N, C-alpha and C. Protein backbone atom coordinates (compact mmCIF):
# COMPACT_ATOMS: atom_id res chain seq x y z
N MET A 1 -18.20 4.15 3.05
CA MET A 1 -17.11 3.85 4.12
C MET A 1 -16.05 4.23 3.30
N SER A 2 -14.93 4.78 3.90
CA SER A 2 -13.78 5.15 2.75
C SER A 2 -12.49 4.48 2.62
N ALA A 3 -11.68 4.58 2.16
CA ALA A 3 -10.41 3.80 2.00
C ALA A 3 -9.42 3.67 2.91
N LYS A 4 -8.60 2.33 3.52
CA LYS A 4 -8.19 2.56 4.55
C LYS A 4 -7.08 1.80 3.95
N PHE A 5 -6.04 1.77 5.21
CA PHE A 5 -4.44 1.11 5.34
C PHE A 5 -4.50 -0.26 6.21
N ILE A 6 -4.18 -1.36 5.93
CA ILE A 6 -4.67 -1.92 6.58
C ILE A 6 -3.25 -3.46 7.05
N ILE A 7 -2.27 -2.54 8.24
CA ILE A 7 -1.01 -3.83 8.22
C ILE A 7 -1.76 -4.36 8.40
N LYS A 8 -0.75 -6.07 8.26
CA LYS A 8 -0.06 -7.81 8.53
C LYS A 8 0.46 -7.63 8.37
N LYS A 9 1.01 -8.59 9.18
CA LYS A 9 2.56 -9.97 9.51
C LYS A 9 2.31 -10.79 8.67
N ASP A 10 3.12 -10.83 7.67
CA ASP A 10 3.13 -12.14 7.66
C ASP A 10 3.72 -13.81 8.09
N LYS A 11 3.39 -14.80 7.45
CA LYS A 11 4.18 -16.11 7.81
C LYS A 11 5.11 -15.74 8.04
N SER A 12 5.89 -15.11 7.44
CA SER A 12 8.04 -14.92 7.85
C SER A 12 7.69 -14.19 8.75
N GLY A 13 6.86 -13.14 9.31
CA GLY A 13 7.50 -12.40 10.16
C GLY A 13 7.74 -10.69 9.29
N GLN A 14 7.73 -10.67 8.53
CA GLN A 14 7.40 -9.29 7.81
C GLN A 14 6.11 -8.70 7.50
N TYR A 15 5.74 -7.44 7.61
CA TYR A 15 5.18 -6.75 7.40
C TYR A 15 4.71 -5.68 6.12
N ARG A 16 3.56 -5.59 5.77
CA ARG A 16 2.53 -5.55 4.16
C ARG A 16 1.46 -4.20 5.27
N PHE A 17 1.57 -3.86 3.92
CA PHE A 17 0.33 -2.98 4.10
C PHE A 17 -0.74 -3.26 3.11
N ASN A 18 -1.77 -3.43 3.10
CA ASN A 18 -3.03 -3.52 2.17
C ASN A 18 -2.90 -1.97 1.79
N LEU A 19 -3.89 -1.28 0.48
CA LEU A 19 -4.51 -0.21 0.92
C LEU A 19 -5.75 -0.53 -0.16
N LYS A 20 -7.18 -0.52 0.79
CA LYS A 20 -9.08 -0.81 0.47
C LYS A 20 -9.54 0.01 0.20
N ALA A 21 -10.57 0.32 -1.13
CA ALA A 21 -11.36 1.00 -1.68
C ALA A 21 -12.34 1.41 -0.02
N GLY A 22 -13.07 2.21 -0.81
CA GLY A 22 -14.58 2.47 0.28
C GLY A 22 -15.57 1.12 -0.29
N ASN A 23 -15.05 0.18 -0.56
CA ASN A 23 -15.98 -0.85 -0.41
C ASN A 23 -15.79 -2.04 -0.38
N GLY A 24 -14.52 -2.51 0.39
CA GLY A 24 -13.35 -2.99 0.52
C GLY A 24 -12.85 -3.84 -0.46
N GLU A 25 -13.02 -3.29 -1.95
CA GLU A 25 -12.06 -3.98 -2.18
C GLU A 25 -10.29 -4.04 -2.46
N ILE A 26 -9.38 -4.67 -2.56
CA ILE A 26 -7.93 -4.50 -1.72
C ILE A 26 -7.58 -3.74 -3.31
N ILE A 27 -6.90 -2.48 -3.35
CA ILE A 27 -6.83 -1.92 -4.60
C ILE A 27 -4.99 -1.22 -4.41
N ALA A 28 -4.41 -1.50 -3.77
CA ALA A 28 -2.74 -1.87 -3.29
C ALA A 28 -2.59 -2.67 -2.51
N THR A 29 -0.82 -3.35 -2.54
CA THR A 29 -0.65 -4.44 -1.77
C THR A 29 1.08 -3.93 -1.82
N SER A 30 2.08 -3.64 -0.57
CA SER A 30 3.31 -3.43 -0.57
C SER A 30 3.75 -4.27 -0.66
N GLU A 31 5.13 -3.81 -0.57
CA GLU A 31 6.10 -4.85 -0.26
C GLU A 31 6.43 -5.22 0.92
N SER A 32 7.23 -6.28 1.74
CA SER A 32 7.41 -6.21 2.67
C SER A 32 8.06 -5.60 3.56
N TYR A 33 8.46 -5.56 4.89
CA TYR A 33 8.72 -4.84 5.23
C TYR A 33 9.03 -4.97 6.77
N THR A 34 10.54 -4.81 7.19
CA THR A 34 10.95 -5.95 8.61
C THR A 34 10.67 -4.90 10.23
N SER A 35 9.93 -4.05 9.22
CA SER A 35 9.64 -3.59 11.33
C SER A 35 8.36 -2.41 10.83
N LYS A 36 7.50 -2.85 11.30
CA LYS A 36 6.25 -1.92 11.49
C LYS A 36 6.82 -0.47 11.27
N ALA A 37 7.67 0.03 11.49
CA ALA A 37 7.73 1.59 11.94
C ALA A 37 7.72 1.78 10.09
N GLY A 38 8.41 0.62 10.01
CA GLY A 38 9.73 0.90 8.07
C GLY A 38 8.11 0.99 7.22
N CYS A 39 7.00 -0.30 7.69
CA CYS A 39 5.64 -0.43 6.69
C CYS A 39 5.00 0.98 7.14
N LYS A 40 4.57 1.41 8.07
CA LYS A 40 4.43 2.89 8.38
C LYS A 40 4.84 4.05 7.52
N ASN A 41 5.92 4.23 7.72
CA ASN A 41 6.49 4.76 6.34
C ASN A 41 6.23 4.90 4.93
N GLY A 42 6.15 4.14 4.62
CA GLY A 42 5.78 3.24 3.40
C GLY A 42 3.87 3.73 3.10
N ILE A 43 3.55 3.23 4.22
CA ILE A 43 2.20 3.90 4.32
C ILE A 43 1.79 5.69 3.56
N GLU A 44 2.81 6.60 4.67
CA GLU A 44 3.45 7.89 4.53
C GLU A 44 3.67 8.29 3.42
N SER A 45 4.61 7.51 3.29
CA SER A 45 4.58 7.81 0.95
C SER A 45 4.10 7.51 -0.16
N VAL A 46 3.17 7.07 0.00
CA VAL A 46 2.58 6.58 -0.89
C VAL A 46 1.15 7.74 -0.27
N LYS A 47 0.79 7.66 0.33
CA LYS A 47 -0.50 8.90 0.77
C LYS A 47 0.49 10.76 0.00
N LYS A 48 1.69 10.24 0.58
CA LYS A 48 1.99 12.20 0.19
C LYS A 48 2.57 11.58 -1.16
N ASN A 49 2.97 10.62 -1.66
CA ASN A 49 3.40 11.02 -3.40
C ASN A 49 2.56 10.31 -4.24
N ALA A 50 1.60 9.42 -3.50
CA ALA A 50 0.37 9.68 -4.87
C ALA A 50 -0.43 10.26 -5.68
N PRO A 51 -1.19 11.53 -4.77
CA PRO A 51 -1.78 12.01 -5.54
C PRO A 51 -1.06 12.89 -6.34
N VAL A 52 0.30 13.16 -6.98
CA VAL A 52 1.09 14.08 -8.08
C VAL A 52 1.72 12.91 -8.83
N ALA A 53 1.54 11.01 -8.44
CA ALA A 53 2.71 10.39 -8.86
C ALA A 53 2.03 10.68 -10.98
N GLU A 54 2.80 9.83 -11.51
CA GLU A 54 3.08 10.40 -12.46
C GLU A 54 2.19 9.28 -13.32
N ILE A 55 1.47 8.62 -14.71
CA ILE A 55 1.11 7.80 -14.69
C ILE A 55 1.28 7.51 -16.12
N VAL A 56 2.29 6.32 -15.82
CA VAL A 56 2.75 5.69 -17.39
C VAL A 56 2.10 4.68 -17.85
N ASP A 57 1.43 4.52 -18.84
CA ASP A 57 1.09 3.39 -19.87
C ASP A 57 1.76 2.45 -20.55
N GLU A 58 2.34 1.68 -20.25
CA GLU A 58 2.87 0.59 -20.65
C GLU A 58 2.55 -0.48 -21.79
N SER A 59 1.14 -0.52 -21.45
CA SER A 59 0.04 -1.60 -22.27
C SER A 59 0.64 -1.11 -23.62
N ASP A 60 -0.14 -2.27 -24.23
CA ASP A 60 0.48 -2.69 -25.52
C ASP A 60 -1.11 -1.57 -26.76
N ASP A 61 -2.14 -1.95 -26.09
CA ASP A 61 -2.75 -1.39 -26.86
C ASP A 61 -3.73 0.07 -26.49
């Protein structure tokens, strides 16, 4: 199974998405969106920008 974006509506009526890995584990959760269209735009932004996103390590180790 490959990764997939899952759109859900929360208790307050806002839309969110989870990105699930191929093994079913949630590896990312979005902010809330007032519309499903906004949520889908958020997914498209992740799909577009993630491959070129910089890694910033702010850990102490």
